[in-house]
Amino acid sequence: MNKEFEFKGAGKSKIVIDGNFIRISRKGFMNLMNHGLGGEKTIDLNNVTGVQMKKAGLTNGYIQFIFVGSQESKKGVFAATQDENTVMFTKKEQPKAEEIKKYVENFLANKSKPQVASTVESVSISDEIVKLNDLKEKGILTEEEFQAKKKQLLGL
């Protein structure tokens, strides 16, 4: 996914999702006061361990990216405004923040799934060929039947 989200209501911030990276850039007086002249912050999604979102209500909402080594704010909205891994948003902008949260959660869920299917399949095929060879040696299968079944298993 390559997508850009602009948040203008609660300080001018932009989040760009660029494949495995989240890029946060800030402009405006409020961001200058809260974050200084920080430029752009790039977060590798492979290092993200969670995403926290506080919905906008009487106060602005925020989305916060949590990863090993980050200092997440647990003191509410006012402390979150100081956090470099947090972007504030208004009630109107909340659907954008929800879309970002959903993307990050899906990324984390897919990242944690084990990638072992192809290994299991190749072990199963070799086990099947060994079993077929045993049947051939016991005289249950002919050489032709064994070769035909072996080709079928190997996809030849």
Protein backbone atom coordinates (compact mmCIF):
# COMPACT_ATOMS: atom_id res chain seq x y z
CA MET A 1 0.00 0.00 0.00
CA ASN A 2 1.25 3.46 -0.89
CA LYS A 3 -1.11 5.99 0.59
CA GLU A 4 -0.93 9.46 2.06
CA PHE A 5 -3.09 10.74 4.92
CA GLU A 6 -3.17 14.43 5.86
CA PHE A 7 -4.32 15.59 9.27
CA LYS A 8 -4.88 19.36 9.38
CA GLY A 9 -7.31 19.90 12.25
CA ALA A 10 -5.11 19.12 15.25
CA GLY A 11 -1.74 20.30 13.99
CA LYS A 12 -0.58 19.79 10.45
CA SER A 13 0.70 16.22 10.19
CA LYS A 14 1.04 13.82 7.33
CA ILE A 15 1.34 10.02 7.50
CA VAL A 16 2.55 8.19 4.42
CA ILE A 17 2.29 4.41 4.31
CA ASP A 18 4.94 3.24 1.88
CA GLY A 19 5.09 -0.55 1.77
CA ASN A 20 6.72 -1.60 5.04
CA PHE A 21 7.32 1.95 6.25
CA ILE A 22 5.28 4.65 7.95
CA ARG A 23 6.58 8.17 7.43
CA ILE A 24 5.37 10.96 9.71
CA SER A 25 6.03 14.58 8.82
CA ARG A 26 4.79 17.66 10.63
CA LYS A 27 4.28 21.33 9.83
CA GLY A 28 2.74 24.29 11.57
CA PHE A 29 3.17 26.25 14.77
CA MET A 30 1.62 23.68 17.14
CA ASN A 31 3.87 20.92 15.88
CA LEU A 32 6.87 23.23 16.11
CA MET A 33 6.03 23.89 19.77
CA ASN A 34 5.41 20.20 20.60
CA HIS A 35 8.02 18.45 18.45
CA GLY A 36 10.55 21.06 17.37
CA LEU A 37 12.08 20.96 13.91
CA GLY A 38 12.07 17.18 13.65
CA GLY A 39 11.72 16.73 9.91
CA GLU A 40 10.36 13.35 8.87
CA LYS A 41 10.16 10.29 11.13
CA THR A 42 10.34 6.89 9.40
CA ILE A 43 9.10 3.79 11.21
CA ASP A 44 9.76 0.29 9.86
CA LEU A 45 6.53 -1.70 10.24
CA ASN A 46 8.58 -4.84 10.90
CA ASN A 47 9.63 -3.23 14.20
CA VAL A 48 6.13 -2.12 15.21
CA THR A 49 4.61 -4.18 18.03
CA GLY A 50 1.29 -2.37 18.26
CA VAL A 51 -0.84 0.60 17.39
CA GLN A 52 -2.95 2.53 19.86
CA MET A 53 -5.80 4.84 18.96
CA LYS A 54 -7.85 7.15 21.13
CA LYS A 55 -11.01 8.24 19.37
CA ALA A 56 -11.80 11.93 19.13
CA GLY A 57 -14.56 13.18 21.40
CA LEU A 58 -14.46 16.26 23.58
CA THR A 59 -10.74 16.36 22.89
CA ASN A 60 -8.82 15.44 19.76
CA GLY A 61 -7.99 11.82 19.16
CA TYR A 62 -4.61 10.32 18.45
CA ILE A 63 -2.97 7.34 16.80
CA GLN A 64 0.27 6.09 18.30
CA PHE A 65 2.74 3.58 16.89
CA ILE A 66 4.39 1.33 19.47
CA PHE A 67 7.62 -0.57 18.90
CA VAL A 68 10.53 -1.96 20.87
CA GLY A 69 12.47 0.92 22.34
CA SER A 70 9.73 3.52 21.92
CA GLN A 71 8.40 5.51 24.84
CA GLU A 72 4.63 5.29 24.56
CA SER A 73 2.57 7.87 26.35
CA LYS A 74 0.16 6.55 28.98
CA LYS A 75 -0.88 9.92 30.36
CA GLY A 76 -3.65 10.81 27.92
CA VAL A 77 -4.09 13.21 25.05
CA PHE A 78 -1.99 16.04 26.44
CA ALA A 79 1.07 13.83 26.95
CA ALA A 80 0.49 12.21 23.54
CA THR A 81 0.88 15.59 21.85
CA GLN A 82 4.55 15.50 22.86
CA ASP A 83 5.20 11.96 21.57
CA GLU A 84 7.04 11.76 18.23
CA ASN A 85 5.29 8.44 17.39
CA THR A 86 1.83 9.97 17.79
CA VAL A 87 -0.34 11.92 15.37
CA MET A 88 -3.33 13.91 16.59
CA PHE A 89 -6.62 14.09 14.66
CA THR A 90 -10.07 15.67 14.88
CA LYS A 91 -13.40 13.85 14.85
CA LYS A 92 -13.75 14.53 11.09
CA GLU A 93 -10.33 12.99 10.44
CA GLN A 94 -10.98 9.89 12.54
CA PRO A 95 -11.84 7.58 9.57
CA LYS A 96 -8.32 8.19 8.20
CA ALA A 97 -6.78 7.17 11.53
CA GLU A 98 -9.01 4.07 11.66
CA GLU A 99 -7.83 3.08 8.16
CA ILE A 100 -4.18 3.43 9.23
CA LYS A 101 -4.82 1.41 12.41
CA LYS A 102 -6.52 -1.35 10.41
CA TYR A 103 -3.63 -1.48 7.93
CA VAL A 104 -1.02 -1.75 10.71
CA GLU A 105 -3.02 -4.42 12.57
CA ASN A 106 -3.39 -6.46 9.36
CA PHE A 107 0.34 -6.10 8.69
CA LEU A 108 1.14 -7.32 12.22
CA ALA A 109 -1.30 -10.24 11.95
CA ASN A 110 0.18 -11.38 8.62
CA LYS A 111 3.74 -10.92 9.91
CA SER A 112 3.13 -13.27 12.83
CA LYS A 113 1.75 -16.14 10.72
CA PRO A 114 4.32 -18.91 10.31
CA GLN A 115 5.59 -19.48 6.78
CA VAL A 116 5.98 -23.29 6.82
CA ALA A 117 3.43 -24.56 4.28
CA SER A 118 5.93 -25.23 1.46
CA THR A 119 8.32 -27.10 3.78
CA VAL A 120 5.53 -29.36 5.02
CA GLU A 121 4.44 -30.07 1.46
CA SER A 122 7.94 -31.05 0.27
CA VAL A 123 8.39 -33.35 3.26
CA SER A 124 5.02 -34.95 2.51
CA ILE A 125 5.92 -35.62 -1.13
CA SER A 126 9.24 -37.22 -0.22
CA ASP A 127 7.48 -39.33 2.44
CA GLU A 128 4.94 -40.46 -0.15
CA ILE A 129 7.69 -41.50 -2.58
CA VAL A 130 9.42 -43.51 0.18
CA LYS A 131 6.12 -45.24 0.98
CA LEU A 132 5.52 -46.00 -2.70
CA ASN A 133 9.04 -47.44 -2.98
CA ASP A 134 8.33 -49.71 0.01
CA LEU A 135 5.15 -50.93 -1.72
CA LYS A 136 7.14 -51.57 -4.91
CA GLU A 137 9.79 -53.55 -3.01
CA LYS A 138 7.08 -55.65 -1.34
CA GLY A 139 5.68 -56.47 -4.77
CA ILE A 140 2.42 -54.59 -4.27
CA LEU A 141 3.26 -52.03 -7.00
CA THR A 142 4.98 -52.70 -10.32
CA GLU A 143 7.95 -50.58 -11.46
CA GLU A 144 5.68 -48.86 -14.01
CA GLU A 145 3.04 -48.02 -11.38
CA PHE A 146 5.73 -46.71 -9.02
CA GLN A 147 7.29 -44.48 -11.74
CA ALA A 148 3.88 -43.16 -12.85
CA LYS A 149 2.84 -42.27 -9.29
CA LYS A 150 6.25 -40.71 -8.56
CA LYS A 151 5.96 -38.49 -11.66
CA GLN A 152 2.45 -37.49 -10.59
CA LEU A 153 3.64 -36.51 -7.09
CA LEU A 154 6.58 -34.53 -8.46
CA GLY A 155 4.36 -32.79 -11.00
CA LEU A 156 6.39 -34.02 -13.99
